Amino acid sequence: MSIKKWFPTEEACELLGLGRTNLMMLKESDLVAGIHYVFVTGKRRGTIGWDVAAIQEWQIKRSQEIVNRSKQIANDVETYSKMGV
């Protein structure tokens, strides 16, 4: 049994909980060709295939980074206030 790796844009959007515009913006800024997506036809204007599992992993890592950054900022503020006492 073969496991589907590359999903068409509409299906990827549904599985990822993203709109098409957001997915395309991520493609231009954060996602990596050959890892998160491919040009299925081998041509730049061709159909894009999305690796939903790889993008979900990216979503998890980014979420963790955001939370950790927020916690670090809160810790820095707390440390700073203690220094002023």
N, C-alpha and C. Protein backbone atom coordinates (compact mmCIF):
# COMPACT_ATOMS: atom_id res chain seq x y z
N MET A 1 0.84 -1.19 0.00
CA MET A 1 0.00 0.00 0.00
C MET A 1 0.88 1.25 0.00
N SER A 2 0.60 2.16 -0.89
CA SER A 2 1.36 3.39 -1.02
C SER A 2 0.72 4.49 -0.17
N ILE A 3 1.55 5.25 0.52
CA ILE A 3 1.05 6.38 1.31
C ILE A 3 1.22 7.64 0.47
N LYS A 4 0.15 8.40 0.36
CA LYS A 4 0.16 9.63 -0.43
C LYS A 4 1.04 10.66 0.27
N LYS A 5 2.00 11.22 -0.47
CA LYS A 5 2.90 12.22 0.11
C LYS A 5 2.54 13.62 -0.33
N TRP A 6 2.27 13.81 -1.61
CA TRP A 6 2.04 15.15 -2.15
C TRP A 6 0.56 15.38 -2.39
N PHE A 7 0.02 16.37 -1.70
CA PHE A 7 -1.41 16.68 -1.77
C PHE A 7 -1.63 17.93 -2.62
N PRO A 8 -2.75 17.98 -3.37
CA PRO A 8 -3.07 19.20 -4.09
C PRO A 8 -3.40 20.33 -3.12
N THR A 9 -3.30 21.55 -3.59
CA THR A 9 -3.45 22.73 -2.73
C THR A 9 -4.74 22.73 -1.92
N GLU A 10 -5.88 22.48 -2.56
CA GLU A 10 -7.15 22.54 -1.83
C GLU A 10 -7.20 21.52 -0.70
N GLU A 11 -6.74 20.31 -0.97
CA GLU A 11 -6.74 19.26 0.04
C GLU A 11 -5.76 19.60 1.17
N ALA A 12 -4.60 20.12 0.81
CA ALA A 12 -3.61 20.51 1.81
C ALA A 12 -4.16 21.60 2.73
N CYS A 13 -4.83 22.59 2.13
CA CYS A 13 -5.42 23.67 2.93
C CYS A 13 -6.40 23.11 3.94
N GLU A 14 -7.23 22.20 3.50
CA GLU A 14 -8.24 21.62 4.40
C GLU A 14 -7.57 20.83 5.53
N LEU A 15 -6.59 20.03 5.19
CA LEU A 15 -5.91 19.20 6.19
C LEU A 15 -5.09 20.03 7.18
N LEU A 16 -4.56 21.16 6.71
CA LEU A 16 -3.71 22.00 7.56
C LEU A 16 -4.48 23.09 8.30
N GLY A 17 -5.72 23.29 7.94
CA GLY A 17 -6.50 24.36 8.58
C GLY A 17 -6.04 25.74 8.14
N LEU A 18 -5.56 25.84 6.90
CA LEU A 18 -5.07 27.10 6.36
C LEU A 18 -5.85 27.50 5.12
N GLY A 19 -5.97 28.78 4.91
CA GLY A 19 -6.53 29.26 3.65
C GLY A 19 -5.47 29.22 2.56
N ARG A 20 -5.91 29.25 1.34
CA ARG A 20 -4.98 29.20 0.19
C ARG A 20 -3.98 30.36 0.25
N THR A 21 -4.45 31.56 0.54
CA THR A 21 -3.58 32.73 0.59
C THR A 21 -2.49 32.55 1.64
N ASN A 22 -2.87 32.09 2.83
CA ASN A 22 -1.88 31.87 3.89
C ASN A 22 -0.87 30.81 3.50
N LEU A 23 -1.34 29.73 2.88
CA LEU A 23 -0.42 28.67 2.46
C LEU A 23 0.57 29.21 1.43
N MET A 24 0.10 29.99 0.48
CA MET A 24 0.98 30.55 -0.54
C MET A 24 1.96 31.55 0.07
N MET A 25 1.51 32.32 1.06
CA MET A 25 2.42 33.25 1.74
C MET A 25 3.52 32.48 2.48
N LEU A 26 3.14 31.37 3.13
CA LEU A 26 4.14 30.54 3.81
C LEU A 26 5.13 29.97 2.80
N LYS A 27 4.64 29.58 1.64
CA LYS A 27 5.51 29.04 0.59
C LYS A 27 6.58 30.07 0.22
N GLU A 28 6.20 31.32 0.15
CA GLU A 28 7.13 32.37 -0.25
C GLU A 28 8.08 32.77 0.88
N SER A 29 7.70 32.54 2.13
CA SER A 29 8.51 33.06 3.23
C SER A 29 9.17 31.99 4.10
N ASP A 30 8.48 30.92 4.41
CA ASP A 30 8.98 29.99 5.42
C ASP A 30 9.17 28.55 4.96
N LEU A 31 8.34 28.09 4.04
CA LEU A 31 8.41 26.69 3.63
C LEU A 31 9.53 26.49 2.62
N VAL A 32 10.07 25.27 2.58
CA VAL A 32 11.23 24.96 1.76
C VAL A 32 10.84 24.03 0.61
N ALA A 33 11.21 24.43 -0.60
CA ALA A 33 10.96 23.59 -1.78
C ALA A 33 11.71 22.28 -1.63
N GLY A 34 11.04 21.18 -1.99
CA GLY A 34 11.65 19.86 -1.89
C GLY A 34 11.42 19.21 -0.54
N ILE A 35 11.04 20.00 0.45
CA ILE A 35 10.71 19.47 1.78
C ILE A 35 9.22 19.64 2.04
N HIS A 36 8.75 20.86 1.96
CA HIS A 36 7.34 21.15 2.24
C HIS A 36 6.46 21.12 0.99
N TYR A 37 7.05 21.36 -0.15
CA TYR A 37 6.29 21.35 -1.40
C TYR A 37 7.21 21.04 -2.57
N VAL A 38 6.60 20.62 -3.66
CA VAL A 38 7.33 20.40 -4.92
C VAL A 38 6.47 20.90 -6.08
N PHE A 39 7.13 21.17 -7.18
CA PHE A 39 6.43 21.42 -8.43
C PHE A 39 6.28 20.06 -9.08
N VAL A 40 5.09 19.50 -8.99
CA VAL A 40 4.84 18.12 -9.40
C VAL A 40 5.24 17.88 -10.85
N THR A 41 5.00 18.86 -11.71
CA THR A 41 5.32 18.69 -13.13
C THR A 41 6.78 19.00 -13.44
N GLY A 42 7.50 19.52 -12.43
CA GLY A 42 8.89 19.91 -12.66
C GLY A 42 9.02 21.28 -13.30
N LYS A 43 7.91 22.00 -13.39
CA LYS A 43 7.92 23.35 -13.98
C LYS A 43 7.37 24.34 -12.97
N ARG A 44 7.98 25.50 -12.90
CA ARG A 44 7.62 26.52 -11.91
C ARG A 44 6.14 26.89 -11.93
N ARG A 45 5.54 26.93 -13.06
CA ARG A 45 4.12 27.28 -13.16
C ARG A 45 3.23 26.04 -13.11
N GLY A 46 3.81 24.90 -12.80
CA GLY A 46 3.04 23.66 -12.76
C GLY A 46 2.31 23.48 -11.44
N THR A 47 1.65 22.38 -11.34
CA THR A 47 0.90 22.02 -10.13
C THR A 47 1.85 21.88 -8.95
N ILE A 48 1.41 22.38 -7.79
CA ILE A 48 2.21 22.26 -6.56
C ILE A 48 1.66 21.09 -5.76
N GLY A 49 2.56 20.27 -5.27
CA GLY A 49 2.20 19.19 -4.34
C GLY A 49 2.74 19.55 -2.97
N TRP A 50 1.92 19.36 -1.95
CA TRP A 50 2.27 19.75 -0.59
C TRP A 50 2.47 18.53 0.29
N ASP A 51 3.55 18.50 1.06
CA ASP A 51 3.80 17.43 2.03
C ASP A 51 3.16 17.87 3.34
N VAL A 52 1.94 17.44 3.55
CA VAL A 52 1.16 17.86 4.71
C VAL A 52 1.86 17.49 6.02
N ALA A 53 2.44 16.30 6.10
CA ALA A 53 3.12 15.87 7.33
C ALA A 53 4.30 16.79 7.64
N ALA A 54 5.07 17.17 6.64
CA ALA A 54 6.22 18.06 6.86
C ALA A 54 5.76 19.45 7.29
N ILE A 55 4.67 19.92 6.70
CA ILE A 55 4.15 21.24 7.08
C ILE A 55 3.58 21.20 8.49
N GLN A 56 2.91 20.10 8.85
CA GLN A 56 2.40 19.97 10.22
C GLN A 56 3.56 19.98 11.23
N GLU A 57 4.65 19.32 10.89
CA GLU A 57 5.83 19.34 11.75
C GLU A 57 6.37 20.76 11.89
N TRP A 58 6.39 21.50 10.78
CA TRP A 58 6.81 22.90 10.80
C TRP A 58 5.87 23.73 11.69
N GLN A 59 4.55 23.48 11.58
CA GLN A 59 3.58 24.21 12.40
C GLN A 59 3.83 23.96 13.89
N ILE A 60 4.12 22.72 14.24
CA ILE A 60 4.39 22.37 15.64
C ILE A 60 5.63 23.09 16.14
N LYS A 61 6.72 23.04 15.36
CA LYS A 61 7.97 23.69 15.76
C LYS A 61 7.80 25.19 15.90
N ARG A 62 7.10 25.81 14.94
CA ARG A 62 6.88 27.26 15.02
C ARG A 62 6.03 27.62 16.23
N SER A 63 5.02 26.81 16.53
CA SER A 63 4.17 27.06 17.70
C SER A 63 5.00 26.99 18.97
N GLN A 64 5.88 26.00 19.06
CA GLN A 64 6.75 25.86 20.23
C GLN A 64 7.69 27.05 20.35
N GLU A 65 8.23 27.51 19.23
CA GLU A 65 9.12 28.68 19.25
C GLU A 65 8.38 29.91 19.74
N ILE A 66 7.16 30.10 19.29
CA ILE A 66 6.36 31.26 19.70
C ILE A 66 6.10 31.22 21.20
N VAL A 67 5.70 30.07 21.70
CA VAL A 67 5.41 29.94 23.13
C VAL A 67 6.68 30.13 23.94
N ASN A 68 7.76 29.50 23.52
CA ASN A 68 9.03 29.63 24.26
C ASN A 68 9.53 31.06 24.27
N ARG A 69 9.38 31.77 23.14
CA ARG A 69 9.79 33.16 23.06
C ARG A 69 8.96 34.01 24.03
N SER A 70 7.66 33.75 24.08
CA SER A 70 6.79 34.50 25.00
C SER A 70 7.18 34.24 26.44
N LYS A 71 7.47 32.98 26.75
CA LYS A 71 7.89 32.65 28.12
C LYS A 71 9.20 33.32 28.46
N GLN A 72 10.14 33.35 27.51
CA GLN A 72 11.44 33.97 27.74
C GLN A 72 11.28 35.47 27.97
N ILE A 73 10.42 36.11 27.19
CA ILE A 73 10.18 37.54 27.37
C ILE A 73 9.60 37.79 28.76
N ALA A 74 8.64 36.96 29.18
CA ALA A 74 8.05 37.11 30.52
C ALA A 74 9.11 36.90 31.60
N ASN A 75 9.96 35.92 31.42
CA ASN A 75 11.03 35.66 32.40
C ASN A 75 12.01 36.82 32.45
N ASP A 76 12.34 37.38 31.31
CA ASP A 76 13.26 38.52 31.26
C ASP A 76 12.67 39.72 31.99
N VAL A 77 11.38 39.96 31.80
CA VAL A 77 10.72 41.07 32.48
C VAL A 77 10.72 40.83 33.98
N GLU A 78 10.42 39.60 34.40
CA GLU A 78 10.41 39.28 35.82
C GLU A 78 11.80 39.46 36.41
N THR A 79 12.83 39.01 35.72
CA THR A 79 14.21 39.15 36.20
C THR A 79 14.59 40.61 36.29
N TYR A 80 14.20 41.39 35.30
CA TYR A 80 14.51 42.81 35.29
C TYR A 80 13.87 43.53 36.48
N SER A 81 12.62 43.18 36.78
CA SER A 81 11.94 43.85 37.89
C SER A 81 12.59 43.49 39.22
N LYS A 82 13.11 42.29 39.33
CA LYS A 82 13.79 41.89 40.57
C LYS A 82 15.09 42.65 40.74
N MET A 83 15.75 42.98 39.65
CA MET A 83 17.03 43.69 39.72
C MET A 83 16.84 45.12 40.22
N GLY A 84 15.69 45.72 39.94
CA GLY A 84 15.44 47.08 40.33
C GLY A 84 15.06 47.26 41.78
N VAL A 85 14.82 46.15 42.48
CA VAL A 85 14.37 46.24 43.86
C VAL A 85 15.49 46.60 44.78
